[in-house]
Amino acid sequence: MRKIFIRMSFLADNYYGSQKLNNHPTIQGAFEDALSNVFNEKIKVTICSRLDRFVNAFDFAVSFLTSNTNLSLDRLKFYLSNYLKYIHIKDIKEVDNSFSSRYSCKGKIYSYLVQNGSYNPLFENTSLYLKKKVDEDKLKEGLAFFEGEHEFKNFASFDEQEESKLLINKTMLTNENGLTILSFSSRNFLKYQIRFMVGTILQYGYNKISKEDIKKLLAGENIKFQRKKVEPNGLFLYKIIYPEFDADNLEFDEIKIFK
């Protein structure tokens, strides 16, 4: 048996998220079908993260076991690159059997793309368009509130058994190609956490919530507050971090969407 690790990027429009579903195409399902076909055996893959429908990825990974020891990694990459649509295979390597694309991942960086007041149709399906421009100094200020260790139960949908006190290592606002990009790094994120955080930051930018109320919410207090969850299509999994292969750069220095 050997374990293979595949790293990729993808556009999510044609998939119903990353986790396998019955009767709907997903990233996990697409890889299991392709790999089972090429190896002529039933393959189950482990995904690095569960992404909602319309959430894209610049960096994503799967790992799997196979009894086939003959097929070269170059040949496998060639086959998958031609078989899988809207998925770009960046790297394939053999790893130790103890490695897991999910559990060996020690951190993630997510970015949310916003068209802030000016519209470009090329980014229609991969960003959130705001007709009314938000002051970027207010966005930077609102973004900074979320850095550090906080109670995030007011900014997520989560199971009561989950740990909701988490550390956001770093946040950053950058601009590229007319887009305003809000980025967050952490070892763990709760379900919908980034979409709720971005929604709150935009509300702060529009003066619909105060700094004091955000700090109360981050302390876990229950206050009267209309939560806003932004659309998923502006959200990208920007980078996944594996100590075996990457610098542990949760304290990232830059975000470059258009490299």
Protein backbone atom coordinates (compact mmCIF):
# COMPACT_ATOMS: atom_id res chain seq x y z
CA MET A 1 0.00 0.00 0.00
CA ARG A 2 1.09 3.55 -0.59
CA LYS A 3 -0.44 6.87 0.40
CA ILE A 4 -0.64 9.71 -2.10
CA PHE A 5 -1.16 13.39 -1.36
CA ILE A 6 -2.61 15.72 -4.01
CA ARG A 7 -2.65 19.51 -3.84
CA MET A 8 -4.87 21.57 -6.13
CA SER A 9 -6.89 24.73 -6.77
CA PHE A 10 -10.43 24.85 -8.12
CA LEU A 11 -13.43 26.95 -9.08
CA ALA A 12 -16.48 25.82 -7.15
CA ASP A 13 -19.33 26.80 -9.50
CA ASN A 14 -19.79 23.28 -10.85
CA TYR A 15 -19.52 21.45 -7.52
CA TYR A 16 -21.78 21.21 -4.49
CA GLY A 17 -18.98 21.78 -2.01
CA SER A 18 -15.99 19.64 -1.13
CA GLN A 19 -17.59 16.82 0.88
CA LYS A 20 -19.14 13.87 -0.94
CA LEU A 21 -22.92 13.96 -1.44
CA ASN A 22 -25.34 11.56 -3.04
CA ASN A 23 -26.70 12.73 -6.40
CA HIS A 24 -24.56 15.88 -6.57
CA PRO A 25 -21.02 16.46 -7.92
CA THR A 26 -18.47 17.37 -5.24
CA ILE A 27 -14.69 17.64 -5.07
CA GLN A 28 -14.38 14.49 -2.97
CA GLY A 29 -16.77 12.58 -5.21
CA ALA A 30 -14.98 13.68 -8.38
CA PHE A 31 -11.61 12.49 -7.05
CA GLU A 32 -12.97 9.18 -5.79
CA ASP A 33 -14.55 8.47 -9.18
CA ALA A 34 -11.44 9.46 -11.13
CA LEU A 35 -8.99 7.62 -8.86
CA SER A 36 -11.11 4.47 -8.67
CA ASN A 37 -11.19 4.45 -12.45
CA VAL A 38 -7.47 4.95 -13.01
CA PHE A 39 -6.37 2.51 -10.29
CA ASN A 40 -9.13 -0.01 -11.04
CA GLU A 41 -9.95 -0.33 -7.34
CA LYS A 42 -12.31 1.44 -4.97
CA ILE A 43 -10.56 4.55 -3.64
CA LYS A 44 -11.70 6.68 -0.71
CA VAL A 45 -10.11 10.08 -0.27
CA THR A 46 -9.69 12.27 2.79
CA ILE A 47 -10.29 15.97 2.13
CA CYS A 48 -8.38 18.68 3.96
CA SER A 49 -11.43 20.79 4.78
CA ARG A 50 -15.18 20.88 4.34
CA LEU A 51 -16.10 23.78 2.05
CA ASP A 52 -19.62 24.97 1.28
CA ARG A 53 -21.00 25.20 -2.21
CA PHE A 54 -19.59 28.17 -4.18
CA VAL A 55 -16.53 28.48 -1.89
CA ASN A 56 -13.43 28.37 -4.12
CA ALA A 57 -9.89 27.29 -3.33
CA PHE A 58 -6.44 28.47 -4.33
CA ASP A 59 -5.04 25.66 -2.17
CA PHE A 60 -6.82 22.41 -1.31
CA ALA A 61 -5.69 18.84 -0.73
CA VAL A 62 -6.77 15.22 -0.62
CA SER A 63 -4.96 12.06 0.45
CA PHE A 64 -5.72 8.40 -0.19
CA LEU A 65 -4.36 4.86 0.01
CA THR A 66 -3.90 2.56 -2.98
CA SER A 67 -2.53 -0.94 -3.43
CA ASN A 68 -1.21 0.06 -6.89
CA THR A 69 2.54 0.54 -6.76
CA ASN A 70 3.16 0.75 -10.51
CA LEU A 71 1.49 3.92 -11.73
CA SER A 72 3.90 6.86 -11.69
CA LEU A 73 2.94 10.14 -10.08
CA ASP A 74 3.61 11.98 -13.34
CA ARG A 75 1.20 9.71 -15.17
CA LEU A 76 -1.39 10.13 -12.42
CA LYS A 77 -1.09 13.92 -12.62
CA PHE A 78 -1.49 13.81 -16.40
CA TYR A 79 -4.61 11.67 -16.14
CA LEU A 80 -6.27 13.74 -13.42
CA SER A 81 -5.46 17.02 -15.16
CA ASN A 82 -7.30 15.81 -18.24
CA TYR A 83 -10.16 14.07 -16.43
CA LEU A 84 -11.19 16.61 -13.78
CA LYS A 85 -12.89 19.81 -14.88
CA TYR A 86 -12.34 23.19 -13.22
CA ILE A 87 -9.61 21.66 -11.02
CA HIS A 88 -5.91 22.43 -11.38
CA ILE A 89 -3.53 19.80 -10.00
CA LYS A 90 -0.58 21.62 -8.45
CA ASP A 91 1.39 18.79 -6.86
CA ILE A 92 1.28 15.04 -6.24
CA LYS A 93 3.61 13.21 -3.88
CA GLU A 94 3.86 10.03 -1.87
CA VAL A 95 3.66 10.48 1.90
CA ASP A 96 3.98 8.38 5.02
CA ASN A 97 0.92 6.30 5.89
CA SER A 98 0.48 8.32 9.09
CA PHE A 99 -0.06 11.50 7.05
CA SER A 100 -3.61 12.83 6.62
CA SER A 101 -4.65 15.74 4.42
CA ARG A 102 -7.15 16.65 7.15
CA TYR A 103 -5.40 15.97 10.46
CA SER A 104 -1.86 16.88 9.39
CA CYS A 105 -3.06 20.34 8.34
CA LYS A 106 -1.97 22.81 11.04
CA GLY A 107 -3.55 26.00 9.79
CA LYS A 108 -5.56 27.73 7.08
CA ILE A 109 -5.70 31.17 5.51
CA TYR A 110 -8.99 32.30 4.01
CA SER A 111 -9.58 35.38 1.88
CA TYR A 112 -12.84 37.11 1.04
CA LEU A 113 -13.03 39.17 -2.16
CA VAL A 114 -15.14 42.34 -2.33
CA GLN A 115 -15.90 44.70 -5.22
CA ASN A 116 -16.11 47.85 -3.14
CA GLY A 117 -18.24 50.32 -5.04
CA SER A 118 -16.91 49.66 -8.55
CA TYR A 119 -18.10 46.71 -10.61
CA ASN A 120 -16.10 44.36 -12.84
CA PRO A 121 -18.21 41.62 -14.50
CA LEU A 122 -15.16 39.35 -14.69
CA PHE A 123 -15.43 38.87 -10.91
CA GLU A 124 -19.21 38.40 -10.86
CA ASN A 125 -19.05 34.81 -9.59
CA THR A 126 -16.00 35.10 -7.36
CA SER A 127 -16.61 38.21 -5.27
CA LEU A 128 -19.22 40.21 -3.37
CA TYR A 129 -20.27 43.42 -5.12
CA LEU A 130 -21.12 46.38 -2.88
CA LYS A 131 -23.04 49.08 -4.73
CA LYS A 132 -22.39 51.52 -1.90
CA LYS A 133 -18.67 51.88 -1.25
CA VAL A 134 -17.42 51.30 2.29
CA ASP A 135 -14.61 53.38 3.75
CA GLU A 136 -11.56 51.10 3.79
CA ASP A 137 -10.15 52.62 6.97
CA LYS A 138 -13.34 51.49 8.70
CA LEU A 139 -12.95 48.03 7.18
CA LYS A 140 -9.36 47.79 8.43
CA GLU A 141 -10.45 48.87 11.88
CA GLY A 142 -13.31 46.37 11.94
CA LEU A 143 -11.07 43.60 10.66
CA ALA A 144 -8.53 44.19 13.42
CA PHE A 145 -11.16 43.58 16.14
CA PHE A 146 -11.11 39.88 15.27
CA GLU A 147 -7.39 39.31 15.75
CA GLY A 148 -6.39 37.39 18.87
CA GLU A 149 -8.25 34.89 21.02
CA HIS A 150 -12.00 35.45 21.26
CA GLU A 151 -15.29 33.69 21.83
CA PHE A 152 -16.75 33.13 18.35
CA LYS A 153 -20.10 31.51 19.14
CA ASN A 154 -21.86 34.70 18.01
CA PHE A 155 -20.06 34.54 14.66
CA ALA A 156 -20.70 30.99 13.54
CA SER A 157 -23.10 28.09 13.29
CA PHE A 158 -21.61 25.36 15.45
CA ASP A 159 -22.31 22.27 17.48
CA GLU A 160 -22.56 23.02 21.20
CA GLN A 161 -19.83 20.44 21.81
CA GLU A 162 -17.36 22.35 19.62
CA GLU A 163 -14.76 24.63 21.13
CA SER A 164 -15.83 28.14 20.12
CA LYS A 165 -13.01 30.06 21.80
CA LEU A 166 -10.43 30.32 19.05
CA LEU A 167 -7.34 32.27 18.07
CA ILE A 168 -7.25 34.34 14.88
CA ASN A 169 -3.52 34.66 14.31
CA LYS A 170 -3.67 37.49 11.83
CA THR A 171 -6.02 39.55 9.67
CA MET A 172 -5.11 41.72 6.69
CA LEU A 173 -6.79 44.01 4.16
CA THR A 174 -5.17 44.19 0.73
CA ASN A 175 -6.12 45.53 -2.69
CA GLU A 176 -5.58 43.90 -6.07
CA ASN A 177 -7.13 44.49 -9.49
CA GLY A 178 -9.82 46.71 -8.02
CA LEU A 179 -10.77 44.16 -5.36
CA THR A 180 -10.72 44.68 -1.61
CA ILE A 181 -9.52 41.46 0.01
CA LEU A 182 -10.12 40.56 3.66
CA SER A 183 -7.93 37.72 4.93
CA PHE A 184 -7.85 35.64 8.13
CA SER A 185 -5.51 32.95 9.43
CA SER A 186 -6.13 30.41 12.16
CA ARG A 187 -5.56 26.78 13.04
CA ASN A 188 -9.32 26.23 13.16
CA PHE A 189 -12.48 27.94 11.94
CA LEU A 190 -16.09 27.25 12.84
CA LYS A 191 -18.86 26.70 10.29
CA TYR A 192 -19.72 29.96 8.50
CA GLN A 193 -17.37 31.86 10.83
CA ILE A 194 -15.61 33.86 8.12
CA ARG A 195 -18.85 34.73 6.34
CA PHE A 196 -20.33 36.02 9.60
CA MET A 197 -17.16 37.93 10.48
CA VAL A 198 -17.06 39.60 7.05
CA GLY A 199 -20.75 40.45 7.34
CA THR A 200 -20.13 42.11 10.69
CA ILE A 201 -17.10 44.03 9.38
CA LEU A 202 -19.22 45.38 6.52
CA GLN A 203 -21.94 46.38 9.00
CA TYR A 204 -19.29 48.21 10.99
CA GLY A 205 -18.15 49.93 7.80
CA TYR A 206 -21.72 51.08 7.19
CA ASN A 207 -22.04 52.27 10.82
CA LYS A 208 -24.75 49.70 11.57
CA ILE A 209 -22.92 48.21 14.55
CA SER A 210 -20.57 49.81 17.05
CA LYS A 211 -17.09 48.85 18.16
CA GLU A 212 -18.42 48.32 21.67
CA ASP A 213 -21.08 45.86 20.46
CA ILE A 214 -18.55 43.87 18.41
CA LYS A 215 -16.30 43.58 21.47
CA LYS A 216 -19.25 42.40 23.55
CA LEU A 217 -20.09 39.78 20.93
CA LEU A 218 -16.44 38.63 20.86
CA ALA A 219 -16.60 38.25 24.63
CA GLY A 220 -19.55 35.88 24.16
CA GLU A 221 -22.21 38.26 25.44
CA ASN A 222 -25.77 37.97 24.17
CA ILE A 223 -26.91 41.30 22.78
CA LYS A 224 -29.61 42.32 20.35
CA PHE A 225 -27.89 41.93 17.01
CA GLN A 226 -29.02 41.05 13.49
CA ARG A 227 -26.33 38.72 12.21
CA LYS A 228 -25.30 39.06 8.56
CA LYS A 229 -23.77 36.14 6.70
CA VAL A 230 -22.27 37.20 3.37
CA GLU A 231 -22.61 35.10 0.22
CA PRO A 232 -20.18 32.16 -0.19
CA ASN A 233 -18.92 32.98 -3.69
CA GLY A 234 -16.49 35.66 -2.47
CA LEU A 235 -14.76 33.23 -0.09
CA PHE A 236 -11.52 31.44 -1.02
CA LEU A 237 -9.44 28.94 0.88
CA TYR A 238 -6.19 30.76 0.16
CA LYS A 239 -3.64 28.43 1.78
CA ILE A 240 -3.45 25.24 3.83
CA ILE A 241 -0.38 24.71 5.97
CA TYR A 242 1.44 21.42 6.51
CA PRO A 243 4.62 21.56 8.65
CA GLU A 244 6.12 18.79 6.51
CA PHE A 245 5.99 20.92 3.36
CA ASP A 246 5.31 24.56 4.28
CA ALA A 247 6.63 27.26 6.55
CA ASP A 248 4.20 27.67 9.45
CA ASN A 249 3.20 31.09 8.17
CA LEU A 250 -0.05 31.77 9.99
CA GLU A 251 1.60 35.15 10.62
CA PHE A 252 1.58 35.81 6.87
CA ASP A 253 3.23 38.89 5.37
CA GLU A 254 1.20 39.28 2.20
CA ILE A 255 -1.75 38.01 0.23
CA LYS A 256 -1.35 37.77 -3.53
CA ILE A 257 -4.46 36.56 -5.34
CA PHE A 258 -3.16 37.40 -8.82
CA LYS A 259 0.39 36.03 -8.79
